[in-house]
Structure formats: structure tokens, C-alpha cells
Amino acid sequence: MSKEADPDKVLDATNRFYTLIPHSFGMGTPPLLNTAEMIKEKCGMLDSLLEIQIAYEVIKDEKLNADGERDPVDVHYEKLKCKMEVVSRKSSEFNTIKTYMANTHGKTHSWYNLEIVDLIRIDREGEEAKFKSDIGNRRLLWHGSMTTNYGGILSQGLRIAPPEAPVANRECEALYLRKVVWLSSANGQSTQLANHRRRSFQI
């Protein structure tokens, strides 16, 4: 925020934001959105809301289980239109990913350790037919994303954020990486973008 920002304009913008995006402050006074940190936090919240909306669209179709006889989890899984299969920890595929993760967890990210809890193979409907098997120079790449994004990723694939979506990550903004599908050959970098705490999901 500029130090010269008009207090009246800041107050007006804050009020309009809370009117459009209701918050619960109890009897307290809503805080002014007058710092870069607070605005960044709210941008991240809006990113999550956009992804939650996609996940909600996936599960809200009540016609899929109109008779109520099917398990809701099965109905929602079917709506994702992708197959998910846990990869055996004894398989060569699991060991390949485990080794690749260890080898790309750089020294600059040595302040935390990584461990694969589960490796899940994803087969999205229609993607295999689009796969170009004759393209050379292939590399395994990582994509880290917040948990709220995976309803959209599984049902629609990786997508570029719409123009109206806010940029919540200053690191990406500084690197001119906004409004793109971000991939990395370094797992440590991808983990950071997943906003990990104790657990995160990565592709």
C-alpha cells in the first residue's frame, strides 16, 4: 500500500470488499485492508474461493443420486471423471518417484524433510487419447498446489487462472509467472508453492 493512499478511499474499498465477501467479526470492527500483507492474504482467500466454487459445481448435481440409493462419495467420485489408483510402495514406479523427489529436494529447502505418504496414479477421462507419445526430450516435472485446488484439477485438468483472478503469490508475480501453469523440475520449489504445512498434494 502506498503511504499516500487516501484514508477515505481505503475505508470505502474495505467496506465494499466486506459487503461482497461477508466475514464474521462478531461484535468487533472489521479491520481496514490497508497493508500489503492483508491484501495478499485476502487475494489468497479469493483464489481458494474460486477453486472451491469449481469443486462445489462438481458435487452439487443432485440428479446423479436422485433415488438416494448410491453412496454420495461414489457419486462425487464419478463426477470427477477420472480414475485414481494407489501405486504400490513396492513397485518400480513408486521407487522412481521417491528417488526423483529426494534428488530434487535442494539444499536451499533443507529446513524441512519430505516423505511420500501415498502415490496415486491419475487417469483423467479422455487424456490418454490426447497424449503425444512420439514427443522426445521428456522430463518429470512437479506441480504444487493448494488443497482447495484439487477438485478443479482432477475434474478439469491444470488450468491457467482467469484474468480476473487475483495474484496471491508475490514470488510468482516477481518472476512473471502469474497466469500460467507453473511446473518445476525441483520438488522443493514445488512444495513451497503448495503452501505446505505438514502435508500437501503434488502432481
Protein backbone atom coordinates (compact mmCIF):
# COMPACT_ATOMS: atom_id res chain seq x y z
CA MET A 1 0.00 0.00 0.00
CA SER A 2 1.20 3.49 -0.78
CA LYS A 3 1.89 5.68 2.26
CA GLU A 4 -0.04 8.39 0.43
CA ALA A 5 -3.19 6.30 0.00
CA ASP A 6 -6.35 8.30 0.68
CA PRO A 7 -7.80 7.01 4.01
CA ASP A 8 -11.35 7.61 2.75
CA LYS A 9 -10.71 5.53 -0.38
CA VAL A 10 -9.15 2.75 1.71
CA LEU A 11 -12.18 2.74 4.00
CA ASP A 12 -14.58 2.71 1.04
CA ALA A 13 -12.71 -0.13 -0.69
CA THR A 14 -12.60 -2.10 2.57
CA ASN A 15 -16.34 -1.69 3.11
CA ARG A 16 -17.12 -2.75 -0.46
CA PHE A 17 -14.91 -5.82 -0.11
CA TYR A 18 -16.60 -6.96 3.10
CA THR A 19 -20.01 -6.31 1.53
CA LEU A 20 -19.20 -8.56 -1.45
CA ILE A 21 -17.30 -11.17 0.62
CA PRO A 22 -19.02 -11.42 4.03
CA HIS A 23 -16.84 -12.15 7.06
CA SER A 24 -17.69 -12.99 10.65
CA PHE A 25 -16.20 -10.49 13.10
CA GLY A 26 -18.77 -10.95 15.86
CA MET A 27 -19.22 -7.63 17.64
CA GLY A 28 -15.77 -6.45 16.56
CA THR A 29 -14.94 -3.84 13.95
CA PRO A 30 -13.76 -5.20 10.59
CA PRO A 31 -10.07 -4.36 10.11
CA LEU A 32 -9.06 -1.95 7.38
CA LEU A 33 -7.35 -3.55 4.40
CA ASN A 34 -4.52 -1.07 4.46
CA THR A 35 -1.34 -3.18 4.32
CA ALA A 36 0.24 -5.25 1.56
CA GLU A 37 0.22 -8.29 3.85
CA MET A 38 -3.53 -8.08 4.50
CA ILE A 39 -4.30 -7.61 0.80
CA LYS A 40 -2.08 -10.58 -0.10
CA GLU A 41 -3.93 -12.70 2.48
CA LYS A 42 -7.32 -11.73 1.03
CA CYS A 43 -6.10 -12.43 -2.51
CA GLY A 44 -5.15 -15.93 -1.38
CA MET A 45 -8.60 -16.33 0.14
CA LEU A 46 -10.23 -15.29 -3.16
CA ASP A 47 -8.07 -17.80 -5.05
CA SER A 48 -9.32 -20.53 -2.71
CA LEU A 49 -12.94 -19.42 -3.14
CA LEU A 50 -12.64 -19.69 -6.93
CA GLU A 51 -11.36 -23.25 -6.62
CA ILE A 52 -13.97 -24.19 -4.02
CA GLN A 53 -16.66 -22.95 -6.41
CA ILE A 54 -15.41 -25.40 -9.05
CA ALA A 55 -15.43 -28.26 -6.55
CA TYR A 56 -18.95 -27.28 -5.50
CA GLU A 57 -20.13 -27.32 -9.11
CA VAL A 58 -18.75 -30.85 -9.38
CA ILE A 59 -20.70 -32.25 -6.42
CA LYS A 60 -23.92 -30.23 -6.40
CA ASP A 61 -25.74 -32.14 -9.18
CA GLU A 62 -28.42 -33.89 -7.16
CA LYS A 63 -29.79 -35.69 -10.24
CA LEU A 64 -26.88 -38.13 -10.12
CA ASN A 65 -28.27 -39.64 -6.93
CA ALA A 66 -31.93 -38.71 -7.14
CA ASP A 67 -33.08 -42.03 -5.65
CA GLY A 68 -30.66 -41.74 -2.72
CA GLU A 69 -29.56 -45.36 -3.11
CA ARG A 70 -25.92 -44.71 -4.01
CA ASP A 71 -23.16 -43.70 -1.63
CA PRO A 72 -22.60 -39.93 -2.02
CA VAL A 73 -18.82 -40.50 -2.09
CA ASP A 74 -19.19 -42.80 -5.11
CA VAL A 75 -21.42 -40.24 -6.83
CA HIS A 76 -18.93 -37.41 -6.28
CA TYR A 77 -16.01 -39.59 -7.38
CA GLU A 78 -17.84 -40.44 -10.61
CA LYS A 79 -18.47 -36.75 -11.28
CA LEU A 80 -14.71 -36.08 -11.30
CA LYS A 81 -14.46 -38.25 -14.44
CA CYS A 82 -11.07 -39.63 -13.53
CA LYS A 83 -9.75 -42.88 -12.14
CA MET A 84 -7.48 -42.85 -9.09
CA GLU A 85 -5.36 -45.84 -8.13
CA VAL A 86 -2.90 -46.09 -5.24
CA VAL A 87 0.53 -47.17 -6.51
CA SER A 88 2.18 -50.00 -4.58
CA ARG A 89 5.13 -48.90 -2.45
CA LYS A 90 7.00 -51.97 -3.74
CA SER A 91 6.64 -51.00 -7.41
CA SER A 92 9.39 -49.56 -9.61
CA GLU A 93 7.11 -46.60 -10.35
CA PHE A 94 6.93 -45.69 -6.66
CA ASN A 95 10.70 -46.03 -6.22
CA THR A 96 11.34 -43.86 -9.29
CA ILE A 97 9.19 -41.02 -7.92
CA LYS A 98 10.66 -41.42 -4.42
CA THR A 99 14.21 -41.18 -5.78
CA TYR A 100 13.33 -38.22 -8.01
CA MET A 101 11.79 -36.41 -5.05
CA ALA A 102 14.90 -36.94 -2.93
CA ASN A 103 17.23 -35.84 -5.73
CA THR A 104 15.32 -32.62 -6.45
CA HIS A 105 14.86 -31.52 -2.84
CA GLY A 106 17.59 -28.87 -2.94
CA LYS A 107 19.89 -27.64 -0.19
CA THR A 108 18.03 -24.33 -0.10
CA HIS A 109 15.00 -26.24 1.20
CA SER A 110 16.87 -28.29 3.80
CA TRP A 111 14.88 -26.80 6.69
CA TYR A 112 12.13 -29.39 6.14
CA ASN A 113 12.01 -33.06 5.16
CA LEU A 114 9.73 -34.76 2.65
CA GLU A 115 8.16 -38.20 2.72
CA ILE A 116 5.68 -39.75 0.30
CA VAL A 117 2.56 -40.81 2.18
CA ASP A 118 0.74 -42.17 -0.88
CA LEU A 119 1.41 -42.12 -4.60
CA ILE A 120 -1.79 -42.03 -6.63
CA ARG A 121 -1.97 -42.67 -10.37
CA ILE A 122 -4.50 -40.37 -12.06
CA ASP A 123 -6.23 -41.28 -15.32
CA ARG A 124 -8.44 -38.39 -16.42
CA GLU A 125 -11.17 -39.20 -18.91
CA GLY A 126 -10.02 -38.50 -22.47
CA GLU A 127 -6.43 -37.54 -21.63
CA GLU A 128 -4.80 -40.75 -22.79
CA ALA A 129 -6.18 -40.23 -26.31
CA LYS A 130 -4.60 -36.75 -26.40
CA PHE A 131 -1.22 -37.96 -25.15
CA LYS A 132 1.57 -37.45 -27.71
CA SER A 133 3.80 -40.49 -27.29
CA ASP A 134 6.16 -39.51 -30.13
CA ILE A 135 7.45 -36.33 -28.46
CA GLY A 136 11.05 -36.71 -27.29
CA ASN A 137 13.08 -34.99 -24.56
CA ARG A 138 10.63 -35.82 -21.78
CA ARG A 139 11.16 -34.85 -18.15
CA LEU A 140 9.30 -35.48 -14.95
CA LEU A 141 8.02 -32.17 -13.58
CA TRP A 142 6.32 -31.23 -10.31
CA HIS A 143 3.26 -29.07 -9.76
CA GLY A 144 2.45 -27.98 -6.21
CA SER A 145 -0.98 -26.56 -5.47
CA MET A 146 -3.19 -25.76 -2.51
CA THR A 147 -5.59 -28.48 -1.34
CA THR A 148 -8.61 -26.39 -2.36
CA ASN A 149 -7.45 -26.51 -6.00
CA TYR A 150 -7.65 -30.25 -6.49
CA GLY A 151 -11.38 -30.52 -7.13
CA GLY A 152 -10.83 -28.35 -10.19
CA ILE A 153 -7.56 -30.02 -11.20
CA LEU A 154 -9.00 -33.54 -11.08
CA SER A 155 -12.21 -32.63 -12.91
CA GLN A 156 -10.82 -30.13 -15.44
CA GLY A 157 -7.05 -30.60 -15.50
CA LEU A 158 -4.40 -27.96 -14.93
CA ARG A 159 -5.76 -24.57 -15.98
CA ILE A 160 -4.45 -21.05 -16.36
CA ALA A 161 -6.09 -18.70 -13.88
CA PRO A 162 -8.72 -16.40 -15.42
CA PRO A 163 -7.73 -12.74 -15.98
CA GLU A 164 -9.93 -11.59 -13.10
CA ALA A 165 -8.28 -13.94 -10.59
CA PRO A 166 -6.04 -12.14 -8.05
CA VAL A 167 -2.32 -12.82 -7.76
CA ALA A 168 -1.72 -14.01 -4.21
CA ASN A 169 1.86 -15.21 -4.53
CA ARG A 170 4.40 -12.38 -4.63
CA GLU A 171 7.21 -14.75 -5.57
CA CYS A 172 5.33 -15.78 -8.72
CA GLU A 173 4.45 -12.18 -9.51
CA ALA A 174 8.09 -11.14 -9.22
CA LEU A 175 9.14 -13.94 -11.55
CA TYR A 176 6.47 -13.06 -14.11
CA LEU A 177 4.83 -16.43 -13.50
CA ARG A 178 1.29 -15.27 -12.92
CA LYS A 179 -1.49 -16.51 -15.18
CA VAL A 180 0.43 -19.58 -16.32
CA VAL A 181 0.53 -23.28 -15.42
CA TRP A 182 3.59 -23.43 -13.18
CA LEU A 183 5.80 -26.57 -13.30
CA SER A 184 9.20 -27.22 -11.74
CA SER A 185 11.96 -29.79 -12.05
CA ALA A 186 12.75 -29.15 -8.36
CA ASN A 187 10.41 -30.72 -5.84
CA GLY A 188 11.48 -28.31 -3.11
CA GLN A 189 10.28 -25.32 -5.12
CA SER A 190 7.00 -27.03 -5.96
CA THR A 191 6.43 -27.88 -2.30
CA GLN A 192 6.73 -24.23 -1.33
CA LEU A 193 4.07 -23.23 -3.85
CA ALA A 194 1.76 -25.88 -2.40
CA ASN A 195 1.61 -23.75 0.78
CA HIS A 196 2.51 -26.89 2.72
CA ARG A 197 2.20 -27.20 6.46
CA ARG A 198 2.55 -30.82 7.46
CA ARG A 199 1.02 -32.36 4.35
CA SER A 200 0.49 -31.24 0.78
CA PHE A 201 -0.59 -32.63 -2.56
CA GLN A 202 1.62 -32.51 -5.64
CA ILE A 203 1.37 -33.63 -9.23
